[in-house]
PDB file of all heavy atoms in Angstrom:
ATOM      1  N   GLY A   1      -2.026 -21.379  49.337  1.00  0.00           N
ATOM      2  CA  GLY A   1      -1.371 -20.393  50.109  1.00  0.00           C
ATOM      3  C   GLY A   1       0.225 -20.433  49.992  1.00  0.00           C
ATOM      4  O   GLY A   1       0.888 -19.436  49.914  1.00  0.00           O
ATOM      5  N   THR A   2       0.742 -21.722  49.786  1.00  0.00           N
ATOM      6  CA  THR A   2       2.141 -21.751  49.694  1.00  0.00           C
ATOM      7  C   THR A   2       2.617 -21.226  48.322  1.00  0.00           C
ATOM      8  O   THR A   2       3.599 -20.579  48.185  1.00  0.00           O
ATOM      9  CB  THR A   2       2.647 -23.326  49.742  1.00  0.00           C
ATOM     10  OG1 THR A   2       2.225 -23.835  50.954  1.00  0.00           O
ATOM     11  CG2 THR A   2       3.993 -23.522  49.644  1.00  0.00           C
ATOM     12  N   VAL A   3       1.853 -21.579  47.263  1.00  0.00           N
ATOM     13  CA  VAL A   3       2.187 -21.095  45.921  1.00  0.00           C
ATOM     14  C   VAL A   3       2.169 -19.659  45.816  1.00  0.00           C
ATOM     15  O   VAL A   3       2.993 -18.920  45.250  1.00  0.00           O
ATOM     16  CB  VAL A   3       1.386 -21.768  44.764  1.00  0.00           C
ATOM     17  CG1 VAL A   3       1.446 -21.063  43.599  1.00  0.00           C
ATOM     18  CG2 VAL A   3       1.597 -23.352  44.673  1.00  0.00           C
ATOM     19  N   LYS A   4       1.064 -19.136  46.495  1.00  0.00           N
ATOM     20  CA  LYS A   4       0.889 -17.621  46.391  1.00  0.00           C
ATOM     21  C   LYS A   4       1.974 -16.864  47.204  1.00  0.00           C
ATOM     22  O   LYS A   4       2.372 -15.783  46.760  1.00  0.00           O
ATOM     23  CB  LYS A   4      -0.490 -17.345  47.211  1.00  0.00           C
ATOM     24  CG  LYS A   4      -0.822 -15.762  47.263  1.00  0.00           C
ATOM     25  CD  LYS A   4      -2.163 -15.600  48.069  1.00  0.00           C
ATOM     26  CE  LYS A   4      -2.454 -14.114  48.228  1.00  0.00           C
ATOM     27  NZ  LYS A   4      -3.463 -13.824  49.074  1.00  0.00           N
ATOM     28  N   ASN A   5       2.557 -17.447  48.274  1.00  0.00           N
ATOM     29  CA  ASN A   5       3.577 -16.845  49.002  1.00  0.00           C
ATOM     30  C   ASN A   5       4.924 -17.385  48.776  1.00  0.00           C
ATOM     31  O   ASN A   5       5.846 -17.286  49.487  1.00  0.00           O
ATOM     32  CB  ASN A   5       3.131 -16.967  50.464  1.00  0.00           C
ATOM     33  CG  ASN A   5       2.005 -16.202  50.810  1.00  0.00           C
ATOM     34  OD1 ASN A   5       1.970 -15.005  50.929  1.00  0.00           O
ATOM     35  ND2 ASN A   5       0.894 -16.990  51.030  1.00  0.00           N
ATOM     36  N   LEU A   6       5.147 -18.048  47.524  1.00  0.00           N
ATOM     37  CA  LEU A   6       6.384 -18.781  47.227  1.00  0.00           C
ATOM     38  C   LEU A   6       7.612 -17.877  47.320  1.00  0.00           C
ATOM     39  O   LEU A   6       8.605 -18.325  47.914  1.00  0.00           O
ATOM     40  CB  LEU A   6       6.281 -19.420  45.847  1.00  0.00           C
ATOM     41  CG  LEU A   6       7.004 -20.631  45.687  1.00  0.00           C
ATOM     42  CD1 LEU A   6       6.974 -21.624  46.666  1.00  0.00           C
ATOM     43  CD2 LEU A   6       6.772 -21.110  44.240  1.00  0.00           C
ATOM     44  N   ASN A   7       7.622 -16.618  46.857  1.00  0.00           N
ATOM     45  CA  ASN A   7       8.765 -15.828  46.949  1.00  0.00           C
ATOM     46  C   ASN A   7       9.173 -15.459  48.348  1.00  0.00           C
ATOM     47  O   ASN A   7      10.378 -15.574  48.697  1.00  0.00           O
ATOM     48  CB  ASN A   7       8.527 -14.468  46.142  1.00  0.00           C
ATOM     49  CG  ASN A   7       8.430 -14.731  44.605  1.00  0.00           C
ATOM     50  OD1 ASN A   7       9.020 -15.641  44.120  1.00  0.00           O
ATOM     51  ND2 ASN A   7       7.609 -13.915  43.976  1.00  0.00           N
ATOM     52  N   SER A   8       8.170 -15.245  49.166  1.00  0.00           N
ATOM     53  CA  SER A   8       8.542 -14.849  50.579  1.00  0.00           C
ATOM     54  C   SER A   8       9.068 -16.159  51.364  1.00  0.00           C
ATOM     55  O   SER A   8      10.138 -16.035  52.034  1.00  0.00           O
ATOM     56  CB  SER A   8       7.250 -14.351  51.305  1.00  0.00           C
ATOM     57  OG  SER A   8       7.482 -14.289  52.614  1.00  0.00           O
ATOM     58  N   ILE A   9       8.538 -17.308  50.976  1.00  0.00           N
ATOM     59  CA  ILE A   9       8.971 -18.531  51.641  1.00  0.00           C
ATOM     60  C   ILE A   9      10.269 -18.848  51.278  1.00  0.00           C
ATOM     61  O   ILE A   9      11.142 -19.215  52.082  1.00  0.00           O
ATOM     62  CB  ILE A   9       7.941 -19.638  51.228  1.00  0.00           C
ATOM     63  CG1 ILE A   9       6.500 -19.300  52.016  1.00  0.00           C
ATOM     64  CG2 ILE A   9       8.385 -21.047  51.688  1.00  0.00           C
ATOM     65  CD1 ILE A   9       5.419 -20.220  51.450  1.00  0.00           C
ATOM     66  N   ASP A  10      10.482 -18.687  49.986  1.00  0.00           N
ATOM     67  CA  ASP A  10      11.965 -19.092  49.459  1.00  0.00           C
ATOM     68  C   ASP A  10      13.009 -18.121  50.048  1.00  0.00           C
ATOM     69  O   ASP A  10      14.124 -18.482  50.368  1.00  0.00           O
ATOM     70  CB  ASP A  10      11.920 -18.946  48.010  1.00  0.00           C
ATOM     71  CG  ASP A  10      11.184 -20.231  47.347  1.00  0.00           C
ATOM     72  OD1 ASP A  10      10.906 -21.119  48.104  1.00  0.00           O
ATOM     73  OD2 ASP A  10      11.192 -20.221  46.033  1.00  0.00           O
ATOM     74  N   GLU A  11      12.603 -16.876  50.178  1.00  0.00           N
ATOM     75  CA  GLU A  11      13.485 -15.872  50.926  1.00  0.00           C
ATOM     76  C   GLU A  11      13.766 -16.435  52.295  1.00  0.00           C
ATOM     77  O   GLU A  11      15.024 -16.335  52.744  1.00  0.00           O
ATOM     78  CB  GLU A  11      12.928 -14.603  50.892  1.00  0.00           C
ATOM     79  CG  GLU A  11      12.940 -13.767  49.560  1.00  0.00           C
ATOM     80  CD  GLU A  11      12.137 -12.432  49.672  1.00  0.00           C
ATOM     81  OE1 GLU A  11      11.929 -11.901  50.887  1.00  0.00           O
ATOM     82  OE2 GLU A  11      11.742 -11.983  48.571  1.00  0.00           O
ATOM     83  N   ASP A  12      12.954 -17.016  53.038  1.00  0.00           N
ATOM     84  CA  ASP A  12      13.096 -17.487  54.334  1.00  0.00           C
ATOM     85  C   ASP A  12      14.060 -18.650  54.341  1.00  0.00           C
ATOM     86  O   ASP A  12      14.876 -18.753  55.185  1.00  0.00           O
ATOM     87  CB  ASP A  12      11.729 -17.901  55.056  1.00  0.00           C
ATOM     88  CG  ASP A  12      11.022 -16.680  55.594  1.00  0.00           C
ATOM     89  OD1 ASP A  12      11.759 -15.617  55.880  1.00  0.00           O
ATOM     90  OD2 ASP A  12       9.714 -16.669  55.680  1.00  0.00           O
ATOM     91  N   ILE A  13      13.892 -19.526  53.342  1.00  0.00           N
ATOM     92  CA  ILE A  13      14.655 -20.650  53.216  1.00  0.00           C
ATOM     93  C   ILE A  13      16.278 -20.146  52.984  1.00  0.00           C
ATOM     94  O   ILE A  13      17.105 -20.532  53.648  1.00  0.00           O
ATOM     95  CB  ILE A  13      14.229 -21.555  52.142  1.00  0.00           C
ATOM     96  CG1 ILE A  13      12.848 -22.306  52.423  1.00  0.00           C
ATOM     97  CG2 ILE A  13      15.257 -22.653  51.758  1.00  0.00           C
ATOM     98  CD1 ILE A  13      12.201 -23.046  51.351  1.00  0.00           C
ATOM     99  N   ILE A  14      16.263 -19.223  52.048  1.00  0.00           N
ATOM    100  CA  ILE A  14      17.705 -18.856  51.506  1.00  0.00           C
ATOM    101  C   ILE A  14      18.419 -18.226  52.782  1.00  0.00           C
ATOM    102  O   ILE A  14      19.457 -18.368  52.910  1.00  0.00           O
ATOM    103  CB  ILE A  14      17.548 -17.855  50.380  1.00  0.00           C
ATOM    104  CG1 ILE A  14      17.037 -18.585  49.135  1.00  0.00           C
ATOM    105  CG2 ILE A  14      18.810 -17.010  50.127  1.00  0.00           C
ATOM    106  CD1 ILE A  14      16.526 -17.655  48.099  1.00  0.00           C
ATOM    107  N   LYS A  15      17.553 -17.437  53.587  1.00  0.00           N
ATOM    108  CA  LYS A  15      18.332 -16.738  54.758  1.00  0.00           C
ATOM    109  C   LYS A  15      18.801 -17.878  55.673  1.00  0.00           C
ATOM    110  O   LYS A  15      19.751 -17.400  56.466  1.00  0.00           O
ATOM    111  CB  LYS A  15      17.138 -15.968  55.502  1.00  0.00           C
ATOM    112  CG  LYS A  15      16.920 -14.590  55.067  1.00  0.00           C
ATOM    113  CD  LYS A  15      16.058 -13.770  55.869  1.00  0.00           C
ATOM    114  CE  LYS A  15      14.662 -13.875  55.636  1.00  0.00           C
ATOM    115  NZ  LYS A  15      13.791 -13.069  56.422  1.00  0.00           N
ATOM    116  N   HIS A  16      18.288 -18.998  55.824  1.00  0.00           N
ATOM    117  CA  HIS A  16      18.707 -19.961  56.776  1.00  0.00           C
ATOM    118  C   HIS A  16      19.599 -21.035  56.218  1.00  0.00           C
ATOM    119  O   HIS A  16      19.890 -21.968  57.001  1.00  0.00           O
ATOM    120  CB  HIS A  16      17.462 -20.397  57.480  1.00  0.00           C
ATOM    121  CG  HIS A  16      16.630 -19.349  58.251  1.00  0.00           C
ATOM    122  ND1 HIS A  16      15.611 -18.750  57.739  1.00  0.00           N
ATOM    123  CD2 HIS A  16      16.951 -18.925  59.489  1.00  0.00           C
ATOM    124  CE1 HIS A  16      15.309 -17.810  58.540  1.00  0.00           C
ATOM    125  NE2 HIS A  16      16.010 -17.938  59.623  1.00  0.00           N
ATOM    126  N   LEU A  17      19.814 -21.013  54.997  1.00  0.00           N
ATOM    127  CA  LEU A  17      20.800 -21.966  54.387  1.00  0.00           C
ATOM    128  C   LEU A  17      22.205 -21.597  54.890  1.00  0.00           C
ATOM    129  O   LEU A  17      22.718 -20.512  54.918  1.00  0.00           O
ATOM    130  CB  LEU A  17      20.771 -21.996  52.849  1.00  0.00           C
ATOM    131  CG  LEU A  17      19.664 -22.527  52.231  1.00  0.00           C
ATOM    132  CD1 LEU A  17      19.580 -22.279  50.593  1.00  0.00           C
ATOM    133  CD2 LEU A  17      19.349 -24.023  52.484  1.00  0.00           C
ATOM    134  N   THR A  18      22.964 -22.639  55.350  1.00  0.00           N
ATOM    135  CA  THR A  18      24.395 -22.562  55.858  1.00  0.00           C
ATOM    136  C   THR A  18      25.322 -22.661  54.663  1.00  0.00           C
ATOM    137  O   THR A  18      26.375 -22.260  54.881  1.00  0.00           O
ATOM    138  CB  THR A  18      24.611 -23.380  57.019  1.00  0.00           C
ATOM    139  OG1 THR A  18      24.349 -24.691  56.650  1.00  0.00           O
ATOM    140  CG2 THR A  18      23.813 -23.022  58.234  1.00  0.00           C
ATOM    141  N   GLN A  19      24.800 -23.462  53.733  1.00  0.00           N
ATOM    142  CA  GLN A  19      25.753 -23.585  52.638  1.00  0.00           C
ATOM    143  C   GLN A  19      24.882 -23.939  51.258  1.00  0.00           C
ATOM    144  O   GLN A  19      23.807 -24.282  51.450  1.00  0.00           O
ATOM    145  CB  GLN A  19      26.813 -24.800  52.715  1.00  0.00           C
ATOM    146  CG  GLN A  19      26.015 -26.124  52.977  1.00  0.00           C
ATOM    147  CD  GLN A  19      27.107 -27.301  53.355  1.00  0.00           C
ATOM    148  OE1 GLN A  19      28.105 -26.925  53.939  1.00  0.00           O
ATOM    149  NE2 GLN A  19      26.769 -28.501  53.183  1.00  0.00           N
ATOM    150  N   GLY A  20      25.486 -23.634  50.151  1.00  0.00           N
ATOM    151  CA  GLY A  20      24.811 -23.795  48.973  1.00  0.00           C
ATOM    152  C   GLY A  20      23.703 -22.699  48.688  1.00  0.00           C
ATOM    153  O   GLY A  20      23.572 -21.769  49.431  1.00  0.00           O
ATOM    154  N   THR A  21      22.941 -23.029  47.572  1.00  0.00           N
ATOM    155  CA  THR A  21      21.845 -22.196  47.222  1.00  0.00           C
ATOM    156  C   THR A  21      20.485 -22.834  47.237  1.00  0.00           C
ATOM    157  O   THR A  21      20.571 -24.141  47.483  1.00  0.00           O
ATOM    158  CB  THR A  21      22.019 -21.653  45.918  1.00  0.00           C
ATOM    159  OG1 THR A  21      22.008 -22.690  44.931  1.00  0.00           O
ATOM    160  CG2 THR A  21      23.452 -20.987  45.588  1.00  0.00           C
ATOM    161  N   LEU A  22      19.373 -22.186  47.043  1.00  0.00           N
ATOM    162  CA  LEU A  22      18.144 -22.770  46.986  1.00  0.00           C
ATOM    163  C   LEU A  22      18.104 -23.856  45.816  1.00  0.00           C
ATOM    164  O   LEU A  22      17.402 -24.859  46.099  1.00  0.00           O
ATOM    165  CB  LEU A  22      16.986 -21.733  46.673  1.00  0.00           C
ATOM    166  CG  LEU A  22      15.597 -22.224  46.792  1.00  0.00           C
ATOM    167  CD1 LEU A  22      15.248 -22.760  48.363  1.00  0.00           C
ATOM    168  CD2 LEU A  22      14.663 -21.193  46.479  1.00  0.00           C
ATOM    169  N   GLU A  23      18.700 -23.630  44.806  1.00  0.00           N
ATOM    170  CA  GLU A  23      18.675 -24.578  43.759  1.00  0.00           C
ATOM    171  C   GLU A  23      19.466 -25.896  44.090  1.00  0.00           C
ATOM    172  O   GLU A  23      19.275 -27.043  43.472  1.00  0.00           O
ATOM    173  CB  GLU A  23      19.418 -23.975  42.451  1.00  0.00           C
ATOM    174  CG  GLU A  23      18.687 -22.930  41.776  1.00  0.00           C
ATOM    175  CD  GLU A  23      18.543 -21.587  42.584  1.00  0.00           C
ATOM    176  OE1 GLU A  23      19.567 -21.226  43.209  1.00  0.00           O
ATOM    177  OE2 GLU A  23      17.600 -20.943  42.369  1.00  0.00           O
ATOM    178  N   ASP A  24      20.378 -26.005  45.110  1.00  0.00           N
ATOM    179  CA  ASP A  24      20.945 -27.002  45.662  1.00  0.00           C
ATOM    180  C   ASP A  24      20.135 -27.964  46.511  1.00  0.00           C
ATOM    181  O   ASP A  24      20.435 -29.115  46.691  1.00  0.00           O
ATOM    182  CB  ASP A  24      22.329 -26.698  46.391  1.00  0.00           C
ATOM    183  CG  ASP A  24      23.339 -25.995  45.559  1.00  0.00           C
ATOM    184  OD1 ASP A  24      23.426 -26.329  44.407  1.00  0.00           O
ATOM    185  OD2 ASP A  24      24.014 -25.066  46.012  1.00  0.00           O
ATOM    186  N   VAL A  25      18.930 -27.447  46.969  1.00  0.00           N
ATOM    187  CA  VAL A  25      18.129 -28.235  47.868  1.00  0.00           C
ATOM    188  C   VAL A  25      17.208 -29.123  46.909  1.00  0.00           C
ATOM    189  O   VAL A  25      16.700 -28.577  45.914  1.00  0.00           O
ATOM    190  CB  VAL A  25      17.221 -27.196  48.656  1.00  0.00           C
ATOM    191  CG1 VAL A  25      16.341 -27.976  49.503  1.00  0.00           C
ATOM    192  CG2 VAL A  25      18.017 -26.276  49.492  1.00  0.00           C
ATOM    193  N   GLY A  26      17.212 -30.425  47.343  1.00  0.00           N
ATOM    194  CA  GLY A  26      16.302 -31.263  46.523  1.00  0.00           C
ATOM    195  C   GLY A  26      14.817 -30.849  46.514  1.00  0.00           C
ATOM    196  O   GLY A  26      14.294 -30.233  47.343  1.00  0.00           O
ATOM    197  N   SER A  27      14.184 -31.203  45.462  1.00  0.00           N
ATOM    198  CA  SER A  27      12.827 -30.755  45.173  1.00  0.00           C
ATOM    199  C   SER A  27      11.936 -31.327  46.220  1.00  0.00           C
ATOM    200  O   SER A  27      10.964 -30.611  46.762  1.00  0.00           O
ATOM    201  CB  SER A  27      12.367 -31.169  43.725  1.00  0.00           C
ATOM    202  OG  SER A  27      12.918 -30.405  42.832  1.00  0.00           O
ATOM    203  N   VAL A  28      12.183 -32.562  46.720  1.00  0.00           N
ATOM    204  CA  VAL A  28      11.253 -33.105  47.875  1.00  0.00           C
ATOM    205  C   VAL A  28      11.553 -32.314  49.168  1.00  0.00           C
ATOM    206  O   VAL A  28      10.577 -31.794  49.761  1.00  0.00           O
ATOM    207  CB  VAL A  28      11.473 -34.587  48.050  1.00  0.00           C
ATOM    208  CG1 VAL A  28      10.651 -34.982  49.267  1.00  0.00           C
ATOM    209  CG2 VAL A  28      10.985 -35.272  46.818  1.00  0.00           C
ATOM    210  N   GLU A  29      12.775 -32.035  49.513  1.00  0.00           N
ATOM    211  CA  GLU A  29      13.158 -31.353  50.675  1.00  0.00           C
ATOM    212  C   GLU A  29      12.536 -29.844  50.610  1.00  0.00           C
ATOM    213  O   GLU A  29      12.025 -29.348  51.527  1.00  0.00           O
ATOM    214  CB  GLU A  29      14.608 -31.262  50.927  1.00  0.00           C
ATOM    215  CG  GLU A  29      15.209 -32.693  51.272  1.00  0.00           C
ATOM    216  CD  GLU A  29      15.477 -33.515  50.067  1.00  0.00           C
ATOM    217  OE1 GLU A  29      15.135 -33.200  48.863  1.00  0.00           O
ATOM    218  OE2 GLU A  29      16.007 -34.644  50.243  1.00  0.00           O
ATOM    219  N   LYS A  30      12.702 -29.320  49.412  1.00  0.00           N
ATOM    220  CA  LYS A  30      12.254 -27.841  49.152  1.00  0.00           C
ATOM    221  C   LYS A  30      10.681 -27.750  49.309  1.00  0.00           C
ATOM    222  O   LYS A  30      10.258 -26.919  49.990  1.00  0.00           O
ATOM    223  CB  LYS A  30      12.673 -27.437  47.731  1.00  0.00           C
ATOM    224  CG  LYS A  30      12.627 -25.932  47.602  1.00  0.00           C
ATOM    225  CD  LYS A  30      12.968 -25.523  46.152  1.00  0.00           C
ATOM    226  CE  LYS A  30      14.268 -26.185  45.632  1.00  0.00           C
ATOM    227  NZ  LYS A  30      14.476 -25.872  44.247  1.00  0.00           N
ATOM    228  N   SER A  31      10.007 -28.825  48.904  1.00  0.00           N
ATOM    229  CA  SER A  31       8.599 -28.914  48.930  1.00  0.00           C
ATOM    230  C   SER A  31       8.150 -28.998  50.363  1.00  0.00           C
ATOM    231  O   SER A  31       7.283 -28.316  50.856  1.00  0.00           O
ATOM    232  CB  SER A  31       7.966 -29.897  48.119  1.00  0.00           C
ATOM    233  OG  SER A  31       8.297 -29.837  46.707  1.00  0.00           O
ATOM    234  N   ILE A  32       8.777 -29.883  51.189  1.00  0.00           N
ATOM    235  CA  ILE A  32       8.557 -29.995  52.444  1.00  0.00           C
ATOM    236  C   ILE A  32       8.744 -28.703  53.280  1.00  0.00           C
ATOM    237  O   ILE A  32       8.003 -28.239  54.131  1.00  0.00           O
ATOM    238  CB  ILE A  32       9.267 -31.222  53.175  1.00  0.00           C
ATOM    239  CG1 ILE A  32       8.874 -32.432  52.540  1.00  0.00           C
ATOM    240  CG2 ILE A  32       9.154 -31.298  54.680  1.00  0.00           C
ATOM    241  CD1 ILE A  32       9.791 -33.721  52.858  1.00  0.00           C
ATOM    242  N   LEU A  33       9.899 -28.196  53.055  1.00  0.00           N
ATOM    243  CA  LEU A  33      10.240 -26.837  53.742  1.00  0.00           C
ATOM    244  C   LEU A  33       9.182 -25.755  53.387  1.00  0.00           C
ATOM    245  O   LEU A  33       8.756 -24.998  54.276  1.00  0.00           O
ATOM    246  CB  LEU A  33      11.582 -26.374  53.348  1.00  0.00           C
ATOM    247  CG  LEU A  33      12.808 -26.886  54.022  1.00  0.00           C
ATOM    248  CD1 LEU A  33      14.114 -26.712  53.377  1.00  0.00           C
ATOM    249  CD2 LEU A  33      12.782 -26.607  55.504  1.00  0.00           C
ATOM    250  N   ARG A  34       8.839 -25.675  52.177  1.00  0.00           N
ATOM    251  CA  ARG A  34       7.945 -24.618  51.628  1.00  0.00           C
ATOM    252  C   ARG A  34       6.628 -24.737  52.475  1.00  0.00           C
ATOM    253  O   ARG A  34       6.000 -23.840  52.927  1.00  0.00           O
ATOM    254  CB  ARG A  34       7.681 -24.661  50.139  1.00  0.00           C
ATOM    255  CG  ARG A  34       8.867 -24.053  49.381  1.00  0.00           C
ATOM    256  CD  ARG A  34       8.740 -24.388  47.947  1.00  0.00           C
ATOM    257  NE  ARG A  34       9.866 -23.558  47.095  1.00  0.00           N
ATOM    258  CZ  ARG A  34      10.066 -23.821  45.904  1.00  0.00           C
ATOM    259  NH1 ARG A  34       9.454 -24.736  45.224  1.00  0.00           N
ATOM    260  NH2 ARG A  34      10.962 -22.950  45.278  1.00  0.00           N
ATOM    261  N   LEU A  35       6.076 -25.982  52.512  1.00  0.00           N
ATOM    262  CA  LEU A  35       4.946 -26.167  53.207  1.00  0.00           C
ATOM    263  C   LEU A  35       4.991 -25.894  54.628  1.00  0.00           C
ATOM    264  O   LEU A  35       4.100 -25.157  55.105  1.00  0.00           O
ATOM    265  CB  LEU A  35       4.445 -27.737  52.915  1.00  0.00           C
ATOM    266  CG  LEU A  35       3.100 -28.098  53.693  1.00  0.00           C
ATOM    267  CD1 LEU A  35       1.950 -27.215  53.350  1.00  0.00           C
ATOM    268  CD2 LEU A  35       2.822 -29.560  53.603  1.00  0.00           C
ATOM    269  N   ALA A  36       5.947 -26.306  55.300  1.00  0.00           N
ATOM    270  CA  ALA A  36       6.105 -26.068  56.770  1.00  0.00           C
ATOM    271  C   ALA A  36       6.275 -24.626  57.057  1.00  0.00           C
ATOM    272  O   ALA A  36       5.729 -24.064  57.992  1.00  0.00           O
ATOM    273  CB  ALA A  36       7.418 -26.881  57.316  1.00  0.00           C
TER     274      ALA A  36
END
């Protein structure tokens, strides 16, 4: 489900980042956020 909806999930992360870009988020942190 996470992989299938990755684009939508990443858009949600990007909307709520206060600084930096999605690429600046560590892979572990990004994986936890995506799952949640």
